[in-house]
Amino acid sequence: MERTAMSEREFRRAEILGRVLTSELTLVDAAALLQLSYRQAKRLVKRLRERGRTGLRHGNLGRPSNHSHPATERARVLALVATHYGGPVEG
């Protein structure tokens, strides 16, 4: 079984949409609980059915941020901070 990093919000979604799959809850009620439109809830249920809980994860999970700087630049800045201000630099 594959481990999946999910946020609390994604776990809650999986739990509620799982109740839809077991017919314990209607899709209309699930959409209201999740504060989503009926159509969006329907898309999420389809993804849950096809891919399981991993289908509900955020699509950019594990990817670097679009706003991140290259590792070499980060290392250079941390070295400058260490030489000018002293002490250990965490990062």
Protein backbone atom coordinates (compact mmCIF):
# COMPACT_ATOMS: atom_id res chain seq x y z
CA MET A 1 0.00 0.00 0.00
CA GLU A 2 1.31 3.41 -0.98
CA ARG A 3 1.67 6.14 1.64
CA THR A 4 0.09 9.42 0.70
CA ALA A 5 0.79 12.84 2.21
CA MET A 6 -2.55 14.60 2.50
CA SER A 7 -3.75 17.69 4.28
CA GLU A 8 -6.48 17.58 6.91
CA ARG A 9 -8.82 19.13 4.37
CA GLU A 10 -8.10 16.37 1.86
CA PHE A 11 -8.65 13.69 4.52
CA ARG A 12 -12.00 15.25 5.41
CA ARG A 13 -12.95 15.31 1.73
CA ALA A 14 -12.01 11.65 1.34
CA GLU A 15 -14.06 10.69 4.38
CA ILE A 16 -17.18 12.54 3.24
CA LEU A 17 -16.92 11.44 -0.38
CA GLY A 18 -16.30 7.87 0.78
CA ARG A 19 -19.67 8.06 2.52
CA VAL A 20 -21.18 9.02 -0.84
CA LEU A 21 -19.65 5.89 -2.43
CA THR A 22 -21.19 3.70 0.28
CA SER A 23 -24.59 5.43 -0.24
CA GLU A 24 -24.51 6.65 3.35
CA LEU A 25 -24.71 10.25 2.12
CA THR A 26 -26.14 11.85 -1.01
CA LEU A 27 -23.95 13.82 -3.36
CA VAL A 28 -26.06 16.93 -2.76
CA ASP A 29 -25.50 16.67 1.01
CA ALA A 30 -21.78 15.99 0.56
CA ALA A 31 -21.43 19.04 -1.68
CA ALA A 32 -23.11 21.17 0.98
CA LEU A 33 -20.87 19.76 3.75
CA LEU A 34 -17.74 20.45 1.68
CA GLN A 35 -19.04 23.85 0.54
CA LEU A 36 -18.64 22.84 -3.11
CA SER A 37 -20.95 22.95 -6.06
CA TYR A 38 -22.74 19.75 -7.01
CA ARG A 39 -20.68 19.51 -10.20
CA GLN A 40 -17.35 19.87 -8.39
CA ALA A 41 -18.38 17.26 -5.82
CA LYS A 42 -19.37 14.95 -8.67
CA ARG A 43 -15.91 15.39 -10.27
CA LEU A 44 -14.22 14.61 -6.95
CA VAL A 45 -16.31 11.46 -6.44
CA LYS A 46 -15.35 10.31 -9.92
CA ARG A 47 -11.63 10.88 -9.17
CA LEU A 48 -11.99 9.08 -5.83
CA ARG A 49 -13.63 6.13 -7.57
CA GLU A 50 -10.95 5.98 -10.30
CA ARG A 51 -7.75 6.73 -8.34
CA GLY A 52 -8.65 6.28 -4.70
CA ARG A 53 -7.56 8.74 -2.04
CA THR A 54 -4.51 9.79 -4.06
CA GLY A 55 -6.89 11.33 -6.60
CA LEU A 56 -7.93 13.89 -4.00
CA ARG A 57 -4.39 15.11 -3.28
CA HIS A 58 -3.34 18.53 -4.49
CA GLY A 59 -1.81 18.23 -7.96
CA ASN A 60 1.36 20.15 -7.11
CA LEU A 61 2.26 18.06 -4.07
CA GLY A 62 5.96 17.22 -4.11
CA ARG A 63 6.86 19.73 -6.80
CA PRO A 64 9.05 22.76 -6.12
CA SER A 65 7.33 26.11 -5.81
CA ASN A 66 7.19 28.34 -8.87
CA HIS A 67 8.64 31.10 -6.69
CA SER A 68 11.57 29.14 -5.28
CA HIS A 69 15.15 30.14 -6.01
CA PRO A 70 17.81 27.75 -7.31
CA ALA A 71 19.68 25.76 -4.63
CA THR A 72 23.00 27.35 -5.62
CA GLU A 73 21.64 30.84 -5.04
CA ARG A 74 20.19 29.80 -1.70
CA ALA A 75 23.53 28.33 -0.59
CA ARG A 76 25.35 31.51 -1.65
CA VAL A 77 22.98 33.72 0.33
CA LEU A 78 23.22 31.52 3.42
CA ALA A 79 27.03 31.64 3.20
CA LEU A 80 26.92 35.46 3.02
CA VAL A 81 24.62 35.63 6.04
CA ALA A 82 26.93 33.32 7.99
CA THR A 83 30.03 35.41 7.21
CA HIS A 84 28.40 38.78 7.91
CA TYR A 85 26.31 37.91 10.95
CA GLY A 86 28.14 34.89 12.39
CA GLY A 87 26.64 31.93 14.12
CA PRO A 88 25.06 28.87 12.60
CA VAL A 89 22.62 29.35 9.75
CA GLU A 90 19.74 26.92 9.49
CA GLY A 91 18.08 26.29 6.24
